[in-house]
Amino acid sequence: MITRIVKMHFQADKTAEFLTFFETIKWKVAQQPNCHGMKLLRDIKNPNILFTYSKWDDETALNTYRDSELFGQVWPTIKPWFQEKAEAWSVEEAFDGMHS
């Protein structure tokens, strides 16, 4: 399993627009085949910086989503709202000491 973390720094006047848009697509993304869920996280010091945190079976599953019609609608919609270029990481768990 892999975790995908995407950092998005929005223009101050576009953050609310993103959050409204996110409400319309969050479950569509989280329920993609071989996706085990997604979270949206917000920086506590800069509310215009948000992160998606999603879990996928593997890189093939993630790439299938990235090649999907849904991603083809989501990314072109939000990309112009960025203050800075988005950053993304695909990571594997090396240790999990989290308590549920």
N, C-alpha and C. Protein backbone atom coordinates (compact mmCIF):
# COMPACT_ATOMS: atom_id res chain seq x y z
N MET A 1 0.84 -1.18 0.00
CA MET A 1 0.00 0.00 0.00
C MET A 1 0.89 1.24 0.00
N ILE A 2 0.43 2.28 -0.72
CA ILE A 2 1.15 3.54 -0.73
C ILE A 2 0.23 4.66 -0.23
N THR A 3 0.86 5.71 0.26
CA THR A 3 0.15 6.92 0.66
C THR A 3 0.58 8.03 -0.28
N ARG A 4 -0.38 8.77 -0.76
CA ARG A 4 -0.11 9.91 -1.64
C ARG A 4 -0.43 11.18 -0.86
N ILE A 5 0.55 12.07 -0.78
CA ILE A 5 0.39 13.35 -0.09
C ILE A 5 0.59 14.44 -1.13
N VAL A 6 -0.40 15.31 -1.26
CA VAL A 6 -0.30 16.42 -2.21
C VAL A 6 -0.49 17.72 -1.46
N LYS A 7 0.51 18.59 -1.55
CA LYS A 7 0.45 19.90 -0.91
C LYS A 7 -0.01 20.92 -1.94
N MET A 8 -1.06 21.66 -1.58
CA MET A 8 -1.62 22.67 -2.47
C MET A 8 -1.67 24.00 -1.74
N HIS A 9 -1.01 25.00 -2.28
CA HIS A 9 -1.00 26.34 -1.70
C HIS A 9 -1.87 27.21 -2.59
N PHE A 10 -3.04 27.59 -2.08
CA PHE A 10 -4.02 28.32 -2.87
C PHE A 10 -3.86 29.83 -2.72
N GLN A 11 -4.25 30.54 -3.75
CA GLN A 11 -4.38 31.99 -3.66
C GLN A 11 -5.42 32.28 -2.57
N ALA A 12 -5.20 33.31 -1.78
CA ALA A 12 -6.06 33.60 -0.64
C ALA A 12 -7.53 33.71 -1.03
N ASP A 13 -7.80 34.29 -2.18
CA ASP A 13 -9.20 34.46 -2.59
C ASP A 13 -9.78 33.23 -3.29
N LYS A 14 -9.01 32.14 -3.39
CA LYS A 14 -9.48 30.93 -4.05
C LYS A 14 -9.65 29.76 -3.09
N THR A 15 -9.20 29.89 -1.86
CA THR A 15 -9.27 28.78 -0.91
C THR A 15 -10.72 28.38 -0.64
N ALA A 16 -11.59 29.33 -0.40
CA ALA A 16 -13.00 29.01 -0.14
C ALA A 16 -13.63 28.35 -1.36
N GLU A 17 -13.27 28.81 -2.54
CA GLU A 17 -13.78 28.21 -3.77
C GLU A 17 -13.33 26.75 -3.88
N PHE A 18 -12.07 26.50 -3.54
CA PHE A 18 -11.59 25.12 -3.55
C PHE A 18 -12.38 24.27 -2.56
N LEU A 19 -12.57 24.76 -1.35
CA LEU A 19 -13.27 23.97 -0.33
C LEU A 19 -14.71 23.65 -0.76
N THR A 20 -15.36 24.59 -1.40
CA THR A 20 -16.71 24.34 -1.92
C THR A 20 -16.66 23.27 -3.01
N PHE A 21 -15.71 23.39 -3.92
CA PHE A 21 -15.55 22.40 -4.99
C PHE A 21 -15.20 21.04 -4.41
N PHE A 22 -14.33 21.01 -3.42
CA PHE A 22 -13.90 19.75 -2.81
C PHE A 22 -15.09 18.98 -2.26
N GLU A 23 -16.06 19.68 -1.70
CA GLU A 23 -17.26 19.01 -1.17
C GLU A 23 -17.98 18.22 -2.24
N THR A 24 -17.90 18.65 -3.49
CA THR A 24 -18.61 17.98 -4.58
C THR A 24 -17.86 16.76 -5.12
N ILE A 25 -16.57 16.65 -4.82
CA ILE A 25 -15.77 15.57 -5.42
C ILE A 25 -15.11 14.64 -4.41
N LYS A 26 -15.14 14.98 -3.13
CA LYS A 26 -14.36 14.23 -2.14
C LYS A 26 -14.71 12.75 -2.12
N TRP A 27 -15.98 12.41 -2.13
CA TRP A 27 -16.34 10.99 -2.07
C TRP A 27 -16.09 10.29 -3.40
N LYS A 28 -16.16 11.03 -4.50
CA LYS A 28 -15.86 10.43 -5.81
C LYS A 28 -14.41 9.99 -5.86
N VAL A 29 -13.52 10.80 -5.29
CA VAL A 29 -12.10 10.44 -5.25
C VAL A 29 -11.87 9.33 -4.24
N ALA A 30 -12.39 9.49 -3.04
CA ALA A 30 -12.15 8.53 -1.96
C ALA A 30 -12.68 7.14 -2.28
N GLN A 31 -13.63 7.05 -3.19
CA GLN A 31 -14.22 5.76 -3.54
C GLN A 31 -13.74 5.24 -4.89
N GLN A 32 -12.64 5.76 -5.38
CA GLN A 32 -12.05 5.24 -6.61
C GLN A 32 -11.60 3.80 -6.39
N PRO A 33 -11.59 2.99 -7.45
CA PRO A 33 -11.13 1.61 -7.30
C PRO A 33 -9.71 1.56 -6.70
N ASN A 34 -9.54 0.70 -5.73
CA ASN A 34 -8.25 0.46 -5.07
C ASN A 34 -7.74 1.66 -4.27
N CYS A 35 -8.65 2.59 -3.94
CA CYS A 35 -8.33 3.69 -3.02
C CYS A 35 -8.94 3.32 -1.67
N HIS A 36 -8.16 3.47 -0.62
CA HIS A 36 -8.61 3.10 0.72
C HIS A 36 -8.96 4.31 1.56
N GLY A 37 -9.27 5.43 0.90
CA GLY A 37 -9.72 6.62 1.59
C GLY A 37 -8.81 7.81 1.37
N MET A 38 -9.36 8.96 1.74
CA MET A 38 -8.65 10.21 1.54
C MET A 38 -9.02 11.15 2.68
N LYS A 39 -8.06 11.99 3.06
CA LYS A 39 -8.29 13.05 4.05
C LYS A 39 -7.88 14.36 3.41
N LEU A 40 -8.50 15.45 3.87
CA LEU A 40 -8.05 16.78 3.52
C LEU A 40 -7.54 17.41 4.81
N LEU A 41 -6.30 17.86 4.79
CA LEU A 41 -5.66 18.46 5.96
C LEU A 41 -5.36 19.93 5.66
N ARG A 42 -5.40 20.75 6.71
CA ARG A 42 -5.15 22.18 6.53
C ARG A 42 -4.04 22.62 7.46
N ASP A 43 -3.12 23.40 6.94
CA ASP A 43 -2.02 23.93 7.73
C ASP A 43 -2.58 24.84 8.83
N ILE A 44 -2.08 24.69 10.05
CA ILE A 44 -2.63 25.46 11.16
C ILE A 44 -2.12 26.91 11.17
N LYS A 45 -1.05 27.19 10.46
CA LYS A 45 -0.52 28.56 10.43
C LYS A 45 -0.89 29.31 9.15
N ASN A 46 -1.12 28.58 8.07
CA ASN A 46 -1.50 29.21 6.81
C ASN A 46 -2.71 28.47 6.26
N PRO A 47 -3.92 29.02 6.43
CA PRO A 47 -5.14 28.32 6.02
C PRO A 47 -5.29 28.17 4.51
N ASN A 48 -4.39 28.77 3.74
CA ASN A 48 -4.43 28.61 2.28
C ASN A 48 -3.60 27.44 1.80
N ILE A 49 -2.95 26.73 2.73
CA ILE A 49 -2.20 25.53 2.39
C ILE A 49 -2.99 24.31 2.86
N LEU A 50 -3.32 23.46 1.91
CA LEU A 50 -4.07 22.24 2.20
C LEU A 50 -3.33 21.05 1.61
N PHE A 51 -3.58 19.90 2.20
CA PHE A 51 -2.96 18.66 1.76
C PHE A 51 -4.04 17.61 1.55
N THR A 52 -3.93 16.84 0.48
CA THR A 52 -4.72 15.62 0.41
C THR A 52 -3.80 14.48 0.82
N TYR A 53 -4.38 13.55 1.54
CA TYR A 53 -3.67 12.39 2.08
C TYR A 53 -4.53 11.20 1.70
N SER A 54 -4.06 10.38 0.77
CA SER A 54 -4.87 9.26 0.30
C SER A 54 -4.05 7.98 0.30
N LYS A 55 -4.74 6.86 0.46
CA LYS A 55 -4.09 5.55 0.48
C LYS A 55 -4.58 4.73 -0.72
N TRP A 56 -3.62 4.09 -1.37
CA TRP A 56 -3.88 3.33 -2.59
C TRP A 56 -3.23 1.96 -2.49
N ASP A 57 -3.77 0.99 -3.21
CA ASP A 57 -3.17 -0.35 -3.22
C ASP A 57 -1.70 -0.29 -3.63
N ASP A 58 -1.44 0.46 -4.70
CA ASP A 58 -0.09 0.55 -5.25
C ASP A 58 -0.03 1.72 -6.23
N GLU A 59 1.12 1.92 -6.82
CA GLU A 59 1.29 3.03 -7.75
C GLU A 59 0.43 2.86 -9.00
N THR A 60 0.19 1.64 -9.40
CA THR A 60 -0.68 1.39 -10.55
C THR A 60 -2.09 1.89 -10.28
N ALA A 61 -2.60 1.64 -9.08
CA ALA A 61 -3.93 2.12 -8.71
C ALA A 61 -3.98 3.65 -8.72
N LEU A 62 -2.96 4.28 -8.17
CA LEU A 62 -2.89 5.74 -8.17
C LEU A 62 -2.85 6.27 -9.59
N ASN A 63 -2.04 5.66 -10.45
CA ASN A 63 -1.93 6.13 -11.83
C ASN A 63 -3.21 5.91 -12.61
N THR A 64 -3.95 4.86 -12.28
CA THR A 64 -5.25 4.64 -12.91
C THR A 64 -6.18 5.80 -12.59
N TYR A 65 -6.18 6.25 -11.34
CA TYR A 65 -6.97 7.43 -10.97
C TYR A 65 -6.45 8.67 -11.71
N ARG A 66 -5.15 8.84 -11.74
CA ARG A 66 -4.57 10.03 -12.38
C ARG A 66 -4.87 10.07 -13.89
N ASP A 67 -5.15 8.91 -14.47
CA ASP A 67 -5.51 8.83 -15.89
C ASP A 67 -7.02 8.83 -16.10
N SER A 68 -7.78 8.95 -15.02
CA SER A 68 -9.24 8.84 -15.11
C SER A 68 -9.90 10.13 -15.59
N GLU A 69 -11.15 9.99 -16.02
CA GLU A 69 -11.94 11.15 -16.43
C GLU A 69 -12.14 12.09 -15.24
N LEU A 70 -12.35 11.53 -14.05
CA LEU A 70 -12.55 12.37 -12.86
C LEU A 70 -11.33 13.26 -12.61
N PHE A 71 -10.14 12.68 -12.59
CA PHE A 71 -8.93 13.49 -12.38
C PHE A 71 -8.79 14.52 -13.49
N GLY A 72 -9.16 14.14 -14.70
CA GLY A 72 -9.11 15.06 -15.84
C GLY A 72 -10.05 16.24 -15.70
N GLN A 73 -11.03 16.14 -14.81
CA GLN A 73 -11.93 17.26 -14.53
C GLN A 73 -11.46 18.04 -13.30
N VAL A 74 -10.96 17.31 -12.29
CA VAL A 74 -10.58 17.94 -11.03
C VAL A 74 -9.34 18.82 -11.19
N TRP A 75 -8.27 18.26 -11.71
CA TRP A 75 -6.99 18.98 -11.73
C TRP A 75 -7.05 20.26 -12.56
N PRO A 76 -7.60 20.25 -13.78
CA PRO A 76 -7.66 21.51 -14.54
C PRO A 76 -8.54 22.57 -13.86
N THR A 77 -9.49 22.14 -13.05
CA THR A 77 -10.34 23.09 -12.33
C THR A 77 -9.57 23.79 -11.22
N ILE A 78 -8.79 23.03 -10.44
CA ILE A 78 -8.15 23.63 -9.26
C ILE A 78 -6.76 24.22 -9.55
N LYS A 79 -6.10 23.74 -10.56
CA LYS A 79 -4.73 24.19 -10.84
C LYS A 79 -4.60 25.71 -10.98
N PRO A 80 -5.52 26.41 -11.65
CA PRO A 80 -5.39 27.87 -11.76
C PRO A 80 -5.54 28.61 -10.42
N TRP A 81 -6.05 27.94 -9.41
CA TRP A 81 -6.27 28.56 -8.10
C TRP A 81 -5.02 28.53 -7.22
N PHE A 82 -3.97 27.84 -7.66
CA PHE A 82 -2.76 27.69 -6.84
C PHE A 82 -1.96 28.99 -6.77
N GLN A 83 -1.45 29.26 -5.59
CA GLN A 83 -0.50 30.36 -5.37
C GLN A 83 0.90 29.90 -5.79
N GLU A 84 1.19 28.63 -5.51
CA GLU A 84 2.47 28.01 -5.86
C GLU A 84 2.19 26.66 -6.50
N LYS A 85 3.15 26.16 -7.23
CA LYS A 85 3.01 24.85 -7.85
C LYS A 85 2.79 23.79 -6.77
N ALA A 86 1.85 22.89 -7.02
CA ALA A 86 1.57 21.81 -6.08
C ALA A 86 2.79 20.89 -5.97
N GLU A 87 2.93 20.29 -4.80
CA GLU A 87 3.98 19.30 -4.57
C GLU A 87 3.31 17.99 -4.20
N ALA A 88 3.90 16.87 -4.61
CA ALA A 88 3.29 15.58 -4.33
C ALA A 88 4.35 14.54 -4.00
N TRP A 89 4.00 13.66 -3.08
CA TRP A 89 4.87 12.57 -2.68
C TRP A 89 4.07 11.28 -2.62
N SER A 90 4.64 10.20 -3.10
CA SER A 90 4.10 8.87 -2.89
C SER A 90 5.05 8.18 -1.93
N VAL A 91 4.51 7.73 -0.79
CA VAL A 91 5.36 7.18 0.26
C VAL A 91 4.84 5.83 0.72
N GLU A 92 5.75 5.05 1.28
CA GLU A 92 5.41 3.78 1.91
C GLU A 92 5.58 3.94 3.41
N GLU A 93 4.78 3.21 4.14
CA GLU A 93 4.88 3.28 5.59
C GLU A 93 6.12 2.55 6.07
N ALA A 94 6.92 3.21 6.87
CA ALA A 94 8.09 2.58 7.47
C ALA A 94 7.83 2.23 8.93
N PHE A 95 6.89 2.95 9.56
CA PHE A 95 6.49 2.69 10.93
C PHE A 95 5.14 3.32 11.14
N ASP A 96 4.27 2.66 11.89
CA ASP A 96 2.96 3.20 12.23
C ASP A 96 2.74 3.07 13.72
N GLY A 97 2.93 4.15 14.43
CA GLY A 97 2.69 4.17 15.87
C GLY A 97 1.44 4.95 16.21
N MET A 98 0.57 5.15 15.20
CA MET A 98 -0.67 5.91 15.41
C MET A 98 -1.67 5.05 16.19
N HIS A 99 -2.44 5.69 17.04
CA HIS A 99 -3.52 5.01 17.76
C HIS A 99 -4.84 5.45 17.15
N SER A 100 -5.67 4.50 16.85
CA SER A 100 -6.98 4.82 16.24
C SER A 100 -7.95 5.31 17.26
